[in-house]
Amino acid sequence: MPKTGKDDHARKDELPSTLQRSEQKAQDTFAKTYDSAMASYGNDESRAARTAFAALKHSYEKVGDHWEAKDEPGPSDQHAEEGVNSRHPTAGGVDANAPKKHLYERARELDIKGRSTMDKEELVRALQKANDAATRRAREG
C-alpha cells in the first residue's frame, strides 16, 4: 500500500487502481491518511485502508473508475456519518448524501438506463453498480 515519498506525493503504483486514475490531491489524501493510520494502528493494513478510504470519501466521490472532488465536503452516506460501528452499509464511494439532482446527473454521465424514473435510493444503487462495472473494465483492460 502507499507510502508518501520525499516530495510528499504517493507512489502511484502502490495505490488502489481507482486512485491511480484520480487527481493527485485524491491520491495524496488517501496515501497520507493510510500512512498515518499504519503508524497509529500498529501496521494493521486493513484498518489503515478503511481509514484512508473514509477520509477520501469525505472530500471525493467515486465516479465510474476514478474519484472526483465533491462540491461540498462531508460524510458520503449514513455509514460514514455513524462511523465504524454503523449497521448501515456503505454506498461504496457514491455520495448518497448528495441531492437527488446531483445523483441523477452522475447517472446521466454514466449513461445509466431508466434513471429518470428512479428514486434517490435506486439512483445510489445504480451508481454503485455502474461504478463497480467501470472499475472492473478498467482493471481488465
C-alpha atoms as a PDB file:
ATOM      1  CA  MET A   1       0.000   0.000   0.000  1.00  0.00           C
ATOM      2  CA  PRO A   2       1.025   3.619  -0.385  1.00  0.00           C
ATOM      3  CA  LYS A   3       3.776   5.484   1.258  1.00  0.00           C
ATOM      4  CA  THR A   4       4.375   9.157   0.665  1.00  0.00           C
ATOM      5  CA  GLY A   5       7.805   9.951  -0.682  1.00  0.00           C
ATOM      6  CA  LYS A   6      10.270  12.769  -0.211  1.00  0.00           C
ATOM      7  CA  ASP A   7       8.044  15.146  -2.214  1.00  0.00           C
ATOM      8  CA  ASP A   8       5.025  14.087  -0.112  1.00  0.00           C
ATOM      9  CA  HIS A   9       3.279  12.500  -3.087  1.00  0.00           C
ATOM     10  CA  ALA A  10       2.114   8.920  -3.087  1.00  0.00           C
ATOM     11  CA  ARG A  11       3.853   6.384  -5.276  1.00  0.00           C
ATOM     12  CA  LYS A  12       1.177   5.827  -7.868  1.00  0.00           C
ATOM     13  CA  ASP A  13       1.928   2.129  -8.345  1.00  0.00           C
ATOM     14  CA  GLU A  14       1.186   1.475  -4.650  1.00  0.00           C
ATOM     15  CA  LEU A  15      -2.315   2.981  -4.766  1.00  0.00           C
ATOM     16  CA  PRO A  16      -5.599   1.182  -5.445  1.00  0.00           C
ATOM     17  CA  SER A  17      -6.327   1.264  -9.190  1.00  0.00           C
ATOM     18  CA  THR A  18      -9.262   3.680  -8.841  1.00  0.00           C
ATOM     19  CA  LEU A  19      -6.924   6.180  -7.219  1.00  0.00           C
ATOM     20  CA  GLN A  20      -4.266   5.688  -9.875  1.00  0.00           C
ATOM     21  CA  ARG A  21      -6.820   7.149 -12.306  1.00  0.00           C
ATOM     22  CA  SER A  22      -7.672  10.085  -9.999  1.00  0.00           C
ATOM     23  CA  GLU A  23      -6.172  13.518  -9.425  1.00  0.00           C
ATOM     24  CA  GLN A  24      -3.018  13.955  -7.344  1.00  0.00           C
ATOM     25  CA  LYS A  25      -4.831  15.522  -4.388  1.00  0.00           C
ATOM     26  CA  ALA A  26      -7.080  12.462  -4.049  1.00  0.00           C
ATOM     27  CA  GLN A  27      -4.036  10.208  -4.204  1.00  0.00           C
ATOM     28  CA  ASP A  28      -2.234  12.250  -1.562  1.00  0.00           C
ATOM     29  CA  THR A  29      -5.283  12.332   0.731  1.00  0.00           C
ATOM     30  CA  PHE A  30      -5.503   8.556   0.654  1.00  0.00           C
ATOM     31  CA  ALA A  31      -1.753   7.953   0.998  1.00  0.00           C
ATOM     32  CA  LYS A  32      -1.154  10.379   3.860  1.00  0.00           C
ATOM     33  CA  THR A  33      -4.134   9.056   5.804  1.00  0.00           C
ATOM     34  CA  TYR A  34      -3.060   5.474   5.147  1.00  0.00           C
ATOM     35  CA  ASP A  35       0.492   6.122   6.323  1.00  0.00           C
ATOM     36  CA  SER A  36      -0.709   7.892   9.455  1.00  0.00           C
ATOM     37  CA  ALA A  37      -3.183   5.115  10.231  1.00  0.00           C
ATOM     38  CA  MET A  38      -0.487   2.464   9.784  1.00  0.00           C
ATOM     39  CA  ALA A  39       1.630   4.246  12.372  1.00  0.00           C
ATOM     40  CA  SER A  40      -1.317   4.704  14.727  1.00  0.00           C
ATOM     41  CA  TYR A  41      -2.815   1.219  14.404  1.00  0.00           C
ATOM     42  CA  GLY A  42       0.368  -0.838  14.556  1.00  0.00           C
ATOM     43  CA  ASN A  43       0.681  -1.756  10.885  1.00  0.00           C
ATOM     44  CA  ASP A  44      -2.891  -3.064  10.556  1.00  0.00           C
ATOM     45  CA  GLU A  45      -3.183  -2.721   6.756  1.00  0.00           C
ATOM     46  CA  SER A  46      -6.899  -3.487   6.599  1.00  0.00           C
ATOM     47  CA  ARG A  47      -7.788  -0.891   9.227  1.00  0.00           C
ATOM     48  CA  ALA A  48      -5.456   1.667   7.643  1.00  0.00           C
ATOM     49  CA  ALA A  49      -7.086   1.147   4.232  1.00  0.00           C
ATOM     50  CA  ARG A  50     -10.604   1.551   5.712  1.00  0.00           C
ATOM     51  CA  THR A  51      -9.481   4.738   7.458  1.00  0.00           C
ATOM     52  CA  ALA A  52      -7.902   6.110   4.277  1.00  0.00           C
ATOM     53  CA  PHE A  53     -10.997   5.384   2.188  1.00  0.00           C
ATOM     54  CA  ALA A  54     -13.170   7.026   4.857  1.00  0.00           C
ATOM     55  CA  ALA A  55     -11.035  10.183   4.671  1.00  0.00           C
ATOM     56  CA  LEU A  56     -11.105  10.111   0.872  1.00  0.00           C
ATOM     57  CA  LYS A  57     -14.907   9.761   0.776  1.00  0.00           C
ATOM     58  CA  HIS A  58     -15.258  12.905   2.889  1.00  0.00           C
ATOM     59  CA  SER A  59     -13.975  15.055   0.006  1.00  0.00           C
ATOM     60  CA  TYR A  60     -14.294  12.779  -3.044  1.00  0.00           C
ATOM     61  CA  GLU A  61     -16.904  10.565  -4.662  1.00  0.00           C
ATOM     62  CA  LYS A  62     -16.391   7.596  -6.924  1.00  0.00           C
ATOM     63  CA  VAL A  63     -17.444   8.285 -10.497  1.00  0.00           C
ATOM     64  CA  GLY A  64     -17.039   5.300 -12.768  1.00  0.00           C
ATOM     65  CA  ASP A  65     -13.481   4.026 -12.398  1.00  0.00           C
ATOM     66  CA  HIS A  66     -11.968   7.014 -10.535  1.00  0.00           C
ATOM     67  CA  TRP A  67     -12.557   9.573  -7.769  1.00  0.00           C
ATOM     68  CA  GLU A  68     -13.698  13.181  -8.300  1.00  0.00           C
ATOM     69  CA  ALA A  69     -13.856  16.052  -5.817  1.00  0.00           C
ATOM     70  CA  LYS A  70     -17.258  16.644  -4.232  1.00  0.00           C
ATOM     71  CA  ASP A  71     -18.975  20.012  -4.487  1.00  0.00           C
ATOM     72  CA  GLU A  72     -19.306  20.052  -0.692  1.00  0.00           C
ATOM     73  CA  PRO A  73     -17.159  18.002   1.713  1.00  0.00           C
ATOM     74  CA  GLY A  74     -18.868  15.818   4.266  1.00  0.00           C
ATOM     75  CA  PRO A  75     -19.884  12.246   5.020  1.00  0.00           C
ATOM     76  CA  SER A  76     -20.898  10.337   1.904  1.00  0.00           C
ATOM     77  CA  ASP A  77     -23.572   8.121   3.443  1.00  0.00           C
ATOM     78  CA  GLN A  78     -25.206   7.107   6.718  1.00  0.00           C
ATOM     79  CA  HIS A  79     -22.422   4.602   7.414  1.00  0.00           C
ATOM     80  CA  ALA A  80     -19.849   7.412   7.211  1.00  0.00           C
ATOM     81  CA  GLU A  81     -21.963   9.640   9.456  1.00  0.00           C
ATOM     82  CA  GLU A  82     -22.237   6.981  12.150  1.00  0.00           C
ATOM     83  CA  GLY A  83     -18.684   5.649  11.970  1.00  0.00           C
ATOM     84  CA  VAL A  84     -17.063   2.261  12.177  1.00  0.00           C
ATOM     85  CA  ASN A  85     -19.804   0.699  14.313  1.00  0.00           C
ATOM     86  CA  SER A  86     -22.604   1.656  11.917  1.00  0.00           C
ATOM     87  CA  ARG A  87     -25.013  -1.076  10.947  1.00  0.00           C
ATOM     88  CA  HIS A  88     -25.792   0.666   7.669  1.00  0.00           C
ATOM     89  CA  PRO A  89     -23.987  -0.436   4.536  1.00  0.00           C
ATOM     90  CA  THR A  90     -21.536   1.857   2.825  1.00  0.00           C
ATOM     91  CA  ALA A  91     -22.552   3.362  -0.521  1.00  0.00           C
ATOM     92  CA  GLY A  92     -19.180   2.336  -1.970  1.00  0.00           C
ATOM     93  CA  GLY A  93     -17.953   5.813  -2.758  1.00  0.00           C
ATOM     94  CA  VAL A  94     -21.254   7.125  -4.130  1.00  0.00           C
ATOM     95  CA  ASP A  95     -22.146  10.412  -2.418  1.00  0.00           C
ATOM     96  CA  ALA A  96     -25.508   9.131  -1.170  1.00  0.00           C
ATOM     97  CA  ASN A  97     -25.973  12.310   0.890  1.00  0.00           C
ATOM     98  CA  ALA A  98     -25.896  14.473  -2.247  1.00  0.00           C
ATOM     99  CA  PRO A  99     -29.171  15.858  -3.585  1.00  0.00           C
ATOM    100  CA  LYS A 100     -31.164  13.648  -5.963  1.00  0.00           C
ATOM    101  CA  LYS A 101     -30.432  16.095  -8.785  1.00  0.00           C
ATOM    102  CA  HIS A 102     -26.674  15.515  -8.341  1.00  0.00           C
ATOM    103  CA  LEU A 103     -27.131  11.740  -8.319  1.00  0.00           C
ATOM    104  CA  TYR A 104     -29.269  11.985 -11.447  1.00  0.00           C
ATOM    105  CA  GLU A 105     -26.522  13.995 -13.202  1.00  0.00           C
ATOM    106  CA  ARG A 106     -23.925  11.388 -12.245  1.00  0.00           C
ATOM    107  CA  ALA A 107     -26.260   8.678 -13.583  1.00  0.00           C
ATOM    108  CA  ARG A 108     -26.595  10.643 -16.820  1.00  0.00           C
ATOM    109  CA  GLU A 109     -22.790  10.916 -17.112  1.00  0.00           C
ATOM    110  CA  LEU A 110     -22.525   7.142 -16.700  1.00  0.00           C
ATOM    111  CA  ASP A 111     -25.421   6.544 -19.135  1.00  0.00           C
ATOM    112  CA  ILE A 112     -27.497   4.581 -16.613  1.00  0.00           C
ATOM    113  CA  LYS A 113     -30.706   3.435 -18.284  1.00  0.00           C
ATOM    114  CA  GLY A 114     -34.012   4.173 -16.525  1.00  0.00           C
ATOM    115  CA  ARG A 115     -32.530   6.937 -14.369  1.00  0.00           C
ATOM    116  CA  SER A 116     -35.424   9.337 -14.985  1.00  0.00           C
ATOM    117  CA  THR A 117     -37.855   7.080 -13.115  1.00  0.00           C
ATOM    118  CA  MET A 118     -35.533   6.179 -10.216  1.00  0.00           C
ATOM    119  CA  ASP A 119     -35.892   7.491  -6.688  1.00  0.00           C
ATOM    120  CA  LYS A 120     -32.813   8.560  -4.732  1.00  0.00           C
ATOM    121  CA  GLU A 121     -32.071   5.117  -3.244  1.00  0.00           C
ATOM    122  CA  GLU A 122     -32.395   3.480  -6.652  1.00  0.00           C
ATOM    123  CA  LEU A 123     -30.004   6.041  -8.142  1.00  0.00           C
ATOM    124  CA  VAL A 124     -27.440   5.292  -5.406  1.00  0.00           C
ATOM    125  CA  ARG A 125     -27.659   1.536  -6.071  1.00  0.00           C
ATOM    126  CA  ALA A 126     -27.471   2.037  -9.844  1.00  0.00           C
ATOM    127  CA  LEU A 127     -24.432   4.308  -9.457  1.00  0.00           C
ATOM    128  CA  GLN A 128     -22.705   1.742  -7.237  1.00  0.00           C
ATOM    129  CA  LYS A 129     -23.338  -0.950  -9.843  1.00  0.00           C
ATOM    130  CA  ALA A 130     -22.115   1.263 -12.698  1.00  0.00           C
ATOM    131  CA  ASN A 131     -19.012   2.290 -10.731  1.00  0.00           C
ATOM    132  CA  ASP A 132     -18.174  -1.336  -9.965  1.00  0.00           C
ATOM    133  CA  ALA A 133     -18.600  -2.301 -13.627  1.00  0.00           C
ATOM    134  CA  ALA A 134     -16.427   0.608 -14.801  1.00  0.00           C
ATOM    135  CA  THR A 135     -13.707  -0.338 -12.307  1.00  0.00           C
ATOM    136  CA  ARG A 136     -13.772  -3.974 -13.465  1.00  0.00           C
ATOM    137  CA  ARG A 137     -13.474  -2.923 -17.118  1.00  0.00           C
ATOM    138  CA  ALA A 138     -10.573  -0.576 -16.316  1.00  0.00           C
ATOM    139  CA  ARG A 139      -8.709  -3.289 -14.417  1.00  0.00           C
ATOM    140  CA  GLU A 140      -9.179  -5.802 -17.238  1.00  0.00           C
ATOM    141  CA  GLY A 141      -8.056  -3.580 -19.880  1.00  0.00           C
END
